[in-house]
PDB file of N, CA and C in Angstrom:
ATOM      1  N   UNK A   1      15.598   5.282 -28.929  1.00  0.00           N
ATOM      2  CA  UNK A   1      14.531   5.482 -27.974  1.00  0.00           C
ATOM      3  C   UNK A   1      13.300   6.090 -28.636  1.00  0.00           C
ATOM      4  N   UNK A   2      13.386   6.312 -29.909  1.00  0.00           N
ATOM      5  CA  UNK A   2      12.248   6.785 -30.704  1.00  0.00           C
ATOM      6  C   UNK A   2      11.596   8.041 -30.147  1.00  0.00           C
ATOM      7  N   UNK A   3      12.380   9.046 -29.741  1.00  0.00           N
ATOM      8  CA  UNK A   3      11.832  10.305 -29.267  1.00  0.00           C
ATOM      9  C   UNK A   3      11.327  10.288 -27.830  1.00  0.00           C
ATOM     10  N   UNK A   4      11.461   9.161 -27.138  1.00  0.00           N
ATOM     11  CA  UNK A   4      11.031   9.094 -25.739  1.00  0.00           C
ATOM     12  C   UNK A   4      12.071   9.748 -24.852  1.00  0.00           C
ATOM     13  N   UNK A   5      11.611  10.345 -23.767  1.00  0.00           N
ATOM     14  CA  UNK A   5      12.529  10.879 -22.783  1.00  0.00           C
ATOM     15  C   UNK A   5      13.209   9.708 -22.080  1.00  0.00           C
ATOM     16  N   UNK A   6      14.423   9.931 -21.590  1.00  0.00           N
ATOM     17  CA  UNK A   6      15.177   8.875 -20.924  1.00  0.00           C
ATOM     18  C   UNK A   6      14.384   8.261 -19.787  1.00  0.00           C
ATOM     19  N   UNK A   7      13.762   9.101 -18.968  1.00  0.00           N
ATOM     20  CA  UNK A   7      12.987   8.590 -17.832  1.00  0.00           C
ATOM     21  C   UNK A   7      11.862   7.676 -18.303  1.00  0.00           C
ATOM     22  N   UNK A   8      11.128   8.118 -19.332  1.00  0.00           N
ATOM     23  CA  UNK A   8      10.036   7.296 -19.861  1.00  0.00           C
ATOM     24  C   UNK A   8      10.567   5.973 -20.404  1.00  0.00           C
ATOM     25  N   UNK A   9      11.689   6.028 -21.096  1.00  0.00           N
ATOM     26  CA  UNK A   9      12.300   4.827 -21.644  1.00  0.00           C
ATOM     27  C   UNK A   9      12.683   3.855 -20.532  1.00  0.00           C
ATOM     28  N   UNK A  10      13.338   4.376 -19.487  1.00  0.00           N
ATOM     29  CA  UNK A  10      13.762   3.510 -18.379  1.00  0.00           C
ATOM     30  C   UNK A  10      12.564   2.902 -17.662  1.00  0.00           C
ATOM     31  N   UNK A  11      11.523   3.704 -17.438  1.00  0.00           N
ATOM     32  CA  UNK A  11      10.335   3.188 -16.774  1.00  0.00           C
ATOM     33  C   UNK A  11       9.670   2.100 -17.610  1.00  0.00           C
ATOM     34  N   UNK A  12       9.690   2.290 -18.922  1.00  0.00           N
ATOM     35  CA  UNK A  12       9.105   1.273 -19.798  1.00  0.00           C
ATOM     36  C   UNK A  12       9.930  -0.011 -19.742  1.00  0.00           C
ATOM     37  N   UNK A  13      11.257   0.128 -19.715  1.00  0.00           N
ATOM     38  CA  UNK A  13      12.138  -1.034 -19.692  1.00  0.00           C
ATOM     39  C   UNK A  13      12.031  -1.831 -18.390  1.00  0.00           C
ATOM     40  N   UNK A  14      11.856  -1.130 -17.252  1.00  0.00           N
ATOM     41  CA  UNK A  14      11.773  -1.863 -15.978  1.00  0.00           C
ATOM     42  C   UNK A  14      10.334  -2.182 -15.590  1.00  0.00           C
ATOM     43  N   UNK A  15       9.380  -1.701 -16.377  1.00  0.00           N
ATOM     44  CA  UNK A  15       7.993  -2.099 -16.179  1.00  0.00           C
ATOM     45  C   UNK A  15       7.225  -1.331 -15.122  1.00  0.00           C
ATOM     46  N   UNK A  16       7.597  -0.114 -14.855  1.00  0.00           N
ATOM     47  CA  UNK A  16       6.849   0.693 -13.893  1.00  0.00           C
ATOM     48  C   UNK A  16       6.560   2.045 -14.537  1.00  0.00           C
ATOM     49  N   UNK A  17       5.332   2.511 -14.370  1.00  0.00           N
ATOM     50  CA  UNK A  17       4.961   3.786 -14.983  1.00  0.00           C
ATOM     51  C   UNK A  17       5.537   4.947 -14.183  1.00  0.00           C
ATOM     52  N   UNK A  18       5.574   6.105 -14.823  1.00  0.00           N
ATOM     53  CA  UNK A  18       6.033   7.312 -14.131  1.00  0.00           C
ATOM     54  C   UNK A  18       5.174   7.587 -12.904  1.00  0.00           C
ATOM     55  N   UNK A  19       3.867   7.398 -13.055  1.00  0.00           N
ATOM     56  CA  UNK A  19       2.942   7.645 -11.942  1.00  0.00           C
ATOM     57  C   UNK A  19       3.252   6.723 -10.770  1.00  0.00           C
ATOM     58  N   UNK A  20       3.428   5.425 -11.041  1.00  0.00           N
ATOM     59  CA  UNK A  20       3.722   4.484  -9.963  1.00  0.00           C
ATOM     60  C   UNK A  20       5.094   4.743  -9.351  1.00  0.00           C
ATOM     61  N   UNK A  21       6.032   5.175 -10.165  1.00  0.00           N
ATOM     62  CA  UNK A  21       7.350   5.527  -9.640  1.00  0.00           C
ATOM     63  C   UNK A  21       7.226   6.684  -8.656  1.00  0.00           C
ATOM     64  N   UNK A  22       6.447   7.694  -9.032  1.00  0.00           N
ATOM     65  CA  UNK A  22       6.249   8.853  -8.156  1.00  0.00           C
ATOM     66  C   UNK A  22       5.524   8.455  -6.876  1.00  0.00           C
ATOM     67  N   UNK A  23       4.544   7.567  -6.998  1.00  0.00           N
ATOM     68  CA  UNK A  23       3.823   7.096  -5.807  1.00  0.00           C
ATOM     69  C   UNK A  23       4.763   6.344  -4.869  1.00  0.00           C
ATOM     70  N   UNK A  24       5.570   5.455  -5.429  1.00  0.00           N
ATOM     71  CA  UNK A  24       6.500   4.677  -4.613  1.00  0.00           C
ATOM     72  C   UNK A  24       7.518   5.592  -3.940  1.00  0.00           C
ATOM     73  N   UNK A  25       7.983   6.586  -4.657  1.00  0.00           N
ATOM     74  CA  UNK A  25       8.944   7.534  -4.095  1.00  0.00           C
ATOM     75  C   UNK A  25       8.332   8.287  -2.917  1.00  0.00           C
ATOM     76  N   UNK A  26       7.067   8.702  -3.048  1.00  0.00           N
ATOM     77  CA  UNK A  26       6.372   9.419  -1.969  1.00  0.00           C
ATOM     78  C   UNK A  26       6.230   8.514  -0.736  1.00  0.00           C
ATOM     79  N   UNK A  27       5.925   7.249  -0.947  1.00  0.00           N
ATOM     80  CA  UNK A  27       5.796   6.300   0.167  1.00  0.00           C
ATOM     81  C   UNK A  27       7.149   6.096   0.830  1.00  0.00           C
ATOM     82  N   UNK A  28       8.203   5.953   0.039  1.00  0.00           N
ATOM     83  CA  UNK A  28       9.552   5.800   0.601  1.00  0.00           C
ATOM     84  C   UNK A  28       9.934   7.025   1.417  1.00  0.00           C
ATOM     85  N   UNK A  29       9.608   8.205   0.921  1.00  0.00           N
ATOM     86  CA  UNK A  29       9.952   9.452   1.613  1.00  0.00           C
ATOM     87  C   UNK A  29       9.158   9.653   2.901  1.00  0.00           C
ATOM     88  N   UNK A  30       8.042   8.921   3.053  1.00  0.00           N
ATOM     89  CA  UNK A  30       7.235   9.055   4.266  1.00  0.00           C
ATOM     90  C   UNK A  30       7.913   8.390   5.468  1.00  0.00           C
ATOM     91  N   UNK A  31       8.941   7.567   5.194  1.00  0.00           N
ATOM     92  CA  UNK A  31       9.673   6.830   6.236  1.00  0.00           C
ATOM     93  C   UNK A  31       8.787   5.869   7.020  1.00  0.00           C
ATOM     94  N   UNK A  32       7.681   5.446   6.423  1.00  0.00           N
ATOM     95  CA  UNK A  32       6.815   4.441   7.043  1.00  0.00           C
ATOM     96  C   UNK A  32       7.232   3.082   6.485  1.00  0.00           C
ATOM     97  N   UNK A  33       8.172   2.447   7.177  1.00  0.00           N
ATOM     98  CA  UNK A  33       8.749   1.184   6.697  1.00  0.00           C
ATOM     99  C   UNK A  33       7.705   0.081   6.605  1.00  0.00           C
ATOM    100  N   UNK A  34       6.775   0.051   7.561  1.00  0.00           N
ATOM    101  CA  UNK A  34       5.726  -0.975   7.536  1.00  0.00           C
ATOM    102  C   UNK A  34       4.858  -0.833   6.299  1.00  0.00           C
ATOM    103  N   UNK A  35       4.473   0.395   5.999  1.00  0.00           N
ATOM    104  CA  UNK A  35       3.637   0.630   4.827  1.00  0.00           C
ATOM    105  C   UNK A  35       4.391   0.259   3.554  1.00  0.00           C
ATOM    106  N   UNK A  36       5.645   0.648   3.468  1.00  0.00           N
ATOM    107  CA  UNK A  36       6.463   0.316   2.302  1.00  0.00           C
ATOM    108  C   UNK A  36       6.573  -1.196   2.139  1.00  0.00           C
ATOM    109  N   UNK A  37       6.836  -1.903   3.235  1.00  0.00           N
ATOM    110  CA  UNK A  37       6.935  -3.368   3.169  1.00  0.00           C
ATOM    111  C   UNK A  37       5.604  -3.997   2.776  1.00  0.00           C
ATOM    112  N   UNK A  38       4.498  -3.420   3.237  1.00  0.00           N
ATOM    113  CA  UNK A  38       3.177  -3.938   2.870  1.00  0.00           C
ATOM    114  C   UNK A  38       2.922  -3.775   1.377  1.00  0.00           C
ATOM    115  N   UNK A  39       3.395  -2.679   0.821  1.00  0.00           N
ATOM    116  CA  UNK A  39       3.254  -2.457  -0.630  1.00  0.00           C
ATOM    117  C   UNK A  39       4.128  -3.449  -1.393  1.00  0.00           C
ATOM    118  N   UNK A  40       5.374  -3.575  -0.962  1.00  0.00           N
ATOM    119  CA  UNK A  40       6.314  -4.448  -1.671  1.00  0.00           C
ATOM    120  C   UNK A  40       5.899  -5.915  -1.596  1.00  0.00           C
ATOM    121  N   UNK A  41       5.221  -6.300  -0.508  1.00  0.00           N
ATOM    122  CA  UNK A  41       4.778  -7.689  -0.368  1.00  0.00           C
ATOM    123  C   UNK A  41       3.422  -7.929  -1.037  1.00  0.00           C
ATOM    124  N   UNK A  42       2.757  -6.852  -1.458  1.00  0.00           N
ATOM    125  CA  UNK A  42       1.473  -6.992  -2.122  1.00  0.00           C
ATOM    126  C   UNK A  42       0.283  -6.973  -1.179  1.00  0.00           C
ATOM    127  N   UNK A  43       0.516  -6.762   0.104  1.00  0.00           N
ATOM    128  CA  UNK A  43      -0.584  -6.716   1.068  1.00  0.00           C
ATOM    129  C   UNK A  43      -1.484  -5.514   0.821  1.00  0.00           C
ATOM    130  N   UNK A  44      -0.889  -4.393   0.452  1.00  0.00           N
ATOM    131  CA  UNK A  44      -1.624  -3.162   0.194  1.00  0.00           C
ATOM    132  C   UNK A  44      -1.228  -2.674  -1.195  1.00  0.00           C
ATOM    133  N   UNK A  45      -2.214  -2.208  -1.937  1.00  0.00           N
ATOM    134  CA  UNK A  45      -1.903  -1.725  -3.280  1.00  0.00           C
ATOM    135  C   UNK A  45      -1.108  -0.427  -3.204  1.00  0.00           C
ATOM    136  N   UNK A  46      -0.314  -0.204  -4.212  1.00  0.00           N
ATOM    137  CA  UNK A  46       0.501   1.009  -4.290  1.00  0.00           C
ATOM    138  C   UNK A  46      -0.388   2.246  -4.264  1.00  0.00           C
ATOM    139  N   UNK A  47      -1.477   2.203  -4.997  1.00  0.00           N
ATOM    140  CA  UNK A  47      -2.390   3.344  -5.064  1.00  0.00           C
ATOM    141  C   UNK A  47      -2.991   3.650  -3.695  1.00  0.00           C
ATOM    142  N   UNK A  48      -3.440   2.615  -2.975  1.00  0.00           N
ATOM    143  CA  UNK A  48      -4.036   2.825  -1.657  1.00  0.00           C
ATOM    144  C   UNK A  48      -3.012   3.353  -0.667  1.00  0.00           C
ATOM    145  N   UNK A  49      -1.814   2.801  -0.703  1.00  0.00           N
ATOM    146  CA  UNK A  49      -0.758   3.258   0.208  1.00  0.00           C
ATOM    147  C   UNK A  49      -0.412   4.712  -0.078  1.00  0.00           C
ATOM    148  N   UNK A  50      -0.326   5.065  -1.345  1.00  0.00           N
ATOM    149  CA  UNK A  50      -0.040   6.446  -1.718  1.00  0.00           C
ATOM    150  C   UNK A  50      -1.125   7.375  -1.195  1.00  0.00           C
ATOM    151  N   UNK A  51      -2.369   6.954  -1.338  1.00  0.00           N
ATOM    152  CA  UNK A  51      -3.478   7.793  -0.879  1.00  0.00           C
ATOM    153  C   UNK A  51      -3.462   7.931   0.640  1.00  0.00           C
ATOM    154  N   UNK A  52      -3.001   6.891   1.353  1.00  0.00           N
ATOM    155  CA  UNK A  52      -2.881   6.992   2.806  1.00  0.00           C
ATOM    156  C   UNK A  52      -1.814   8.017   3.182  1.00  0.00           C
ATOM    157  N   UNK A  53      -0.684   7.941   2.517  1.00  0.00           N
ATOM    158  CA  UNK A  53       0.424   8.860   2.804  1.00  0.00           C
ATOM    159  C   UNK A  53       0.055  10.284   2.398  1.00  0.00           C
ATOM    160  N   UNK A  54      -0.602  10.395   1.289  1.00  0.00           N
ATOM    161  CA  UNK A  54      -0.941  11.703   0.739  1.00  0.00           C
ATOM    162  C   UNK A  54      -2.240  12.257   1.319  1.00  0.00           C
ATOM    163  N   UNK A  55      -2.940  11.438   2.126  1.00  0.00           N
ATOM    164  CA  UNK A  55      -4.221  11.840   2.728  1.00  0.00           C
ATOM    165  C   UNK A  55      -5.190  12.397   1.695  1.00  0.00           C
ATOM    166  N   UNK A  56      -5.337  11.656   0.603  1.00  0.00           N
ATOM    167  CA  UNK A  56      -6.248  12.072  -0.449  1.00  0.00           C
ATOM    168  C   UNK A  56      -7.674  11.751  -0.014  1.00  0.00           C
ATOM    169  N   UNK A  57      -8.531  12.731  -0.042  1.00  0.00           N
ATOM    170  CA  UNK A  57      -9.914  12.549   0.346  1.00  0.00           C
ATOM    171  C   UNK A  57     -10.167  13.053   1.747  1.00  0.00           C
ATOM    172  N   UNK A  58     -11.438  13.136   2.092  1.00  0.00           N
ATOM    173  CA  UNK A  58     -11.780  13.587   3.432  1.00  0.00           C
ATOM    174  C   UNK A  58     -11.610  12.438   4.428  1.00  0.00           C
ATOM    175  N   UNK A  59     -11.818  12.722   5.693  1.00  0.00           N
ATOM    176  CA  UNK A  59     -11.583  11.727   6.744  1.00  0.00           C
ATOM    177  C   UNK A  59     -12.431  10.473   6.549  1.00  0.00           C
ATOM    178  N   UNK A  60     -13.684  10.642   6.167  1.00  0.00           N
ATOM    179  CA  UNK A  60     -14.569   9.493   5.958  1.00  0.00           C
ATOM    180  C   UNK A  60     -14.061   8.614   4.814  1.00  0.00           C
ATOM    181  N   UNK A  61     -13.569   9.235   3.751  1.00  0.00           N
ATOM    182  CA  UNK A  61     -13.067   8.473   2.609  1.00  0.00           C
ATOM    183  C   UNK A  61     -11.792   7.715   2.983  1.00  0.00           C
ATOM    184  N   UNK A  62     -10.906   8.379   3.724  1.00  0.00           N
ATOM    185  CA  UNK A  62      -9.671   7.730   4.149  1.00  0.00           C
ATOM    186  C   UNK A  62      -9.998   6.550   5.066  1.00  0.00           C
ATOM    187  N   UNK A  63     -10.915   6.744   6.005  1.00  0.00           N
ATOM    188  CA  UNK A  63     -11.320   5.680   6.931  1.00  0.00           C
ATOM    189  C   UNK A  63     -11.941   4.507   6.168  1.00  0.00           C
ATOM    190  N   UNK A  64     -12.787   4.813   5.215  1.00  0.00           N
ATOM    191  CA  UNK A  64     -13.430   3.769   4.417  1.00  0.00           C
ATOM    192  C   UNK A  64     -12.393   2.967   3.633  1.00  0.00           C
ATOM    193  N   UNK A  65     -11.416   3.656   3.047  1.00  0.00           N
ATOM    194  CA  UNK A  65     -10.367   2.987   2.282  1.00  0.00           C
ATOM    195  C   UNK A  65      -9.525   2.088   3.171  1.00  0.00           C
ATOM    196  N   UNK A  66      -9.192   2.587   4.380  1.00  0.00           N
ATOM    197  CA  UNK A  66      -8.408   1.785   5.323  1.00  0.00           C
ATOM    198  C   UNK A  66      -9.170   0.526   5.736  1.00  0.00           C
ATOM    199  N   UNK A  67     -10.454   0.686   6.023  1.00  0.00           N
ATOM    200  CA  UNK A  67     -11.272  -0.477   6.405  1.00  0.00           C
ATOM    201  C   UNK A  67     -11.308  -1.501   5.275  1.00  0.00           C
ATOM    202  N   UNK A  68     -11.439  -1.015   4.046  1.00  0.00           N
ATOM    203  CA  UNK A  68     -11.464  -1.909   2.893  1.00  0.00           C
ATOM    204  C   UNK A  68     -10.146  -2.671   2.769  1.00  0.00           C
ATOM    205  N   UNK A  69      -9.031  -1.968   2.897  1.00  0.00           N
ATOM    206  CA  UNK A  69      -7.722  -2.604   2.773  1.00  0.00           C
ATOM    207  C   UNK A  69      -7.502  -3.645   3.876  1.00  0.00           C
ATOM    208  N   UNK A  70      -7.901  -3.316   5.106  1.00  0.00           N
ATOM    209  CA  UNK A  70      -7.754  -4.269   6.212  1.00  0.00           C
ATOM    210  C   UNK A  70      -8.608  -5.501   5.957  1.00  0.00           C
ATOM    211  N   UNK A  71      -9.835  -5.276   5.526  1.00  0.00           N
ATOM    212  CA  UNK A  71     -10.735  -6.399   5.238  1.00  0.00           C
ATOM    213  C   UNK A  71     -10.144  -7.299   4.156  1.00  0.00           C
ATOM    214  N   UNK A  72      -9.589  -6.685   3.124  1.00  0.00           N
ATOM    215  CA  UNK A  72      -9.015  -7.454   2.022  1.00  0.00           C
ATOM    216  C   UNK A  72      -7.832  -8.304   2.498  1.00  0.00           C
ATOM    217  N   UNK A  73      -6.978  -7.738   3.336  1.00  0.00           N
ATOM    218  CA  UNK A  73      -5.824  -8.473   3.851  1.00  0.00           C
ATOM    219  C   UNK A  73      -6.290  -9.648   4.699  1.00  0.00           C
ATOM    220  N   UNK A  74      -7.282  -9.416   5.561  1.00  0.00           N
ATOM    221  CA  UNK A  74      -7.793 -10.499   6.413  1.00  0.00           C
ATOM    222  C   UNK A  74      -8.429 -11.589   5.555  1.00  0.00           C
ATOM    223  N   UNK A  75      -9.226 -11.195   4.570  1.00  0.00           N
ATOM    224  CA  UNK A  75      -9.852 -12.188   3.680  1.00  0.00           C
ATOM    225  C   UNK A  75      -8.806 -13.016   2.942  1.00  0.00           C
ATOM    226  N   UNK A  76      -7.745 -12.369   2.475  1.00  0.00           N
ATOM    227  CA  UNK A  76      -6.697 -13.086   1.751  1.00  0.00           C
ATOM    228  C   UNK A  76      -5.868 -13.991   2.664  1.00  0.00           C
ATOM    229  N   UNK A  77      -5.960 -13.784   3.969  1.00  0.00           N
ATOM    230  CA  UNK A  77      -5.167 -14.563   4.931  1.00  0.00           C
ATOM    231  C   UNK A  77      -5.982 -15.607   5.664  1.00  0.00           C
ATOM    232  N   UNK A  78      -7.278 -15.716   5.378  1.00  0.00           N
ATOM    233  CA  UNK A  78      -8.138 -16.584   6.189  1.00  0.00           C
ATOM    234  C   UNK A  78      -7.799 -18.065   6.080  1.00  0.00           C
ATOM    235  N   UNK A  79      -7.121 -18.476   5.035  1.00  0.00           N
ATOM    236  CA  UNK A  79      -6.697 -19.872   4.914  1.00  0.00           C
ATOM    237  C   UNK A  79      -5.499 -20.175   5.819  1.00  0.00           C
ATOM    238  N   UNK A  80      -4.773 -19.133   6.188  1.00  0.00           N
ATOM    239  CA  UNK A  80      -3.557 -19.293   6.985  1.00  0.00           C
ATOM    240  C   UNK A  80      -3.780 -18.879   8.433  1.00  0.00           C
ATOM    241  N   UNK A  81      -4.507 -17.792   8.626  1.00  0.00           N
ATOM    242  CA  UNK A  81      -4.734 -17.268   9.975  1.00  0.00           C
ATOM    243  C   UNK A  81      -6.132 -17.636  10.456  1.00  0.00           C
ATOM    244  N   UNK A  82      -6.216 -18.083  11.702  1.00  0.00           N
ATOM    245  CA  UNK A  82      -7.520 -18.378  12.284  1.00  0.00           C
ATOM    246  C   UNK A  82      -8.151 -17.083  12.784  1.00  0.00           C
ATOM    247  N   UNK A  83      -9.416 -17.180  13.138  1.00  0.00           N
ATOM    248  CA  UNK A  83     -10.130 -16.058  13.726  1.00  0.00           C
ATOM    249  C   UNK A  83      -9.385 -15.572  14.965  1.00  0.00           C
ATOM    250  N   UNK A  84      -8.933 -16.519  15.774  1.00  0.00           N
ATOM    251  CA  UNK A  84      -8.215 -16.167  17.003  1.00  0.00           C
ATOM    252  C   UNK A  84      -6.879 -15.483  16.710  1.00  0.00           C
ATOM    253  N   UNK A  85      -6.217 -15.877  15.622  1.00  0.00           N
ATOM    254  CA  UNK A  85      -4.977 -15.196  15.222  1.00  0.00           C
ATOM    255  C   UNK A  85      -5.256 -13.724  14.904  1.00  0.00           C
ATOM    256  N   UNK A  86      -6.329 -13.481  14.190  1.00  0.00           N
ATOM    257  CA  UNK A  86      -6.685 -12.112  13.807  1.00  0.00           C
ATOM    258  C   UNK A  86      -7.019 -11.293  15.053  1.00  0.00           C
ATOM    259  N   UNK A  87      -7.795 -11.867  15.961  1.00  0.00           N
ATOM    260  CA  UNK A  87      -8.148 -11.175  17.199  1.00  0.00           C
ATOM    261  C   UNK A  87      -6.895 -10.898  18.023  1.00  0.00           C
ATOM    262  N   UNK A  88      -5.951 -11.848  18.057  1.00  0.00           N
ATOM    263  CA  UNK A  88      -4.702 -11.648  18.797  1.00  0.00           C
ATOM    264  C   UNK A  88      -3.906 -10.476  18.211  1.00  0.00           C
ATOM    265  N   UNK A  89      -3.925 -10.334  16.899  1.00  0.00           N
ATOM    266  CA  UNK A  89      -3.241  -9.220  16.234  1.00  0.00           C
ATOM    267  C   UNK A  89      -3.900  -7.897  16.651  1.00  0.00           C
ATOM    268  N   UNK A  90      -5.228  -7.878  16.639  1.00  0.00           N
ATOM    269  CA  UNK A  90      -5.946  -6.663  17.030  1.00  0.00           C
ATOM    270  C   UNK A  90      -5.660  -6.318  18.489  1.00  0.00           C
ATOM    271  N   UNK A  91      -5.705  -7.332  19.359  1.00  0.00           N
ATOM    272  CA  UNK A  91      -5.396  -7.114  20.777  1.00  0.00           C
ATOM    273  C   UNK A  91      -3.988  -6.535  20.947  1.00  0.00           C
ATOM    274  N   UNK A  92      -3.042  -7.079  20.176  1.00  0.00           N
ATOM    275  CA  UNK A  92      -1.658  -6.601  20.267  1.00  0.00           C
ATOM    276  C   UNK A  92      -1.544  -5.132  19.840  1.00  0.00           C
ATOM    277  N   UNK A  93      -2.248  -4.782  18.785  1.00  0.00           N
ATOM    278  CA  UNK A  93      -2.200  -3.419  18.277  1.00  0.00           C
ATOM    279  C   UNK A  93      -2.808  -2.438  19.271  1.00  0.00           C
ATOM    280  N   UNK A  94      -3.957  -2.809  19.827  1.00  0.00           N
ATOM    281  CA  UNK A  94      -4.652  -1.912  20.733  1.00  0.00           C
ATOM    282  C   UNK A  94      -4.281  -2.130  22.197  1.00  0.00           C
ATOM    283  N   UNK A  95      -3.358  -3.058  22.454  1.00  0.00           N
ATOM    284  CA  UNK A  95      -2.841  -3.330  23.803  1.00  0.00           C
ATOM    285  C   UNK A  95      -3.981  -3.510  24.822  1.00  0.00           C
ATOM    286  N   UNK A  96      -4.897  -4.411  24.492  1.00  0.00           N
ATOM    287  CA  UNK A  96      -6.031  -4.663  25.395  1.00  0.00           C
ATOM    288  C   UNK A  96      -5.610  -5.489  26.569  1.00  0.00           C
TER     289      UNK A  96
END
């Protein structure tokens, strides 16, 4: 292992950094299954999800980050979801 700690060696072998491992662990411990699934599916970046769970930044920064992530997901889905599909999702969430 050339002087590496076991944890560092294992993280290198499975391709995840110590930092990302800690972030993923924090998200798992939050018991927010939807957020965890969004990270695992690639809908939300690990860093953004961690910052949501950890509430890093002031309220304006957190709100701005959430808006950015939502916009990115909608943009990445526009070939599959119609405008009306997106509005239906929003209506469902806000129970209009």
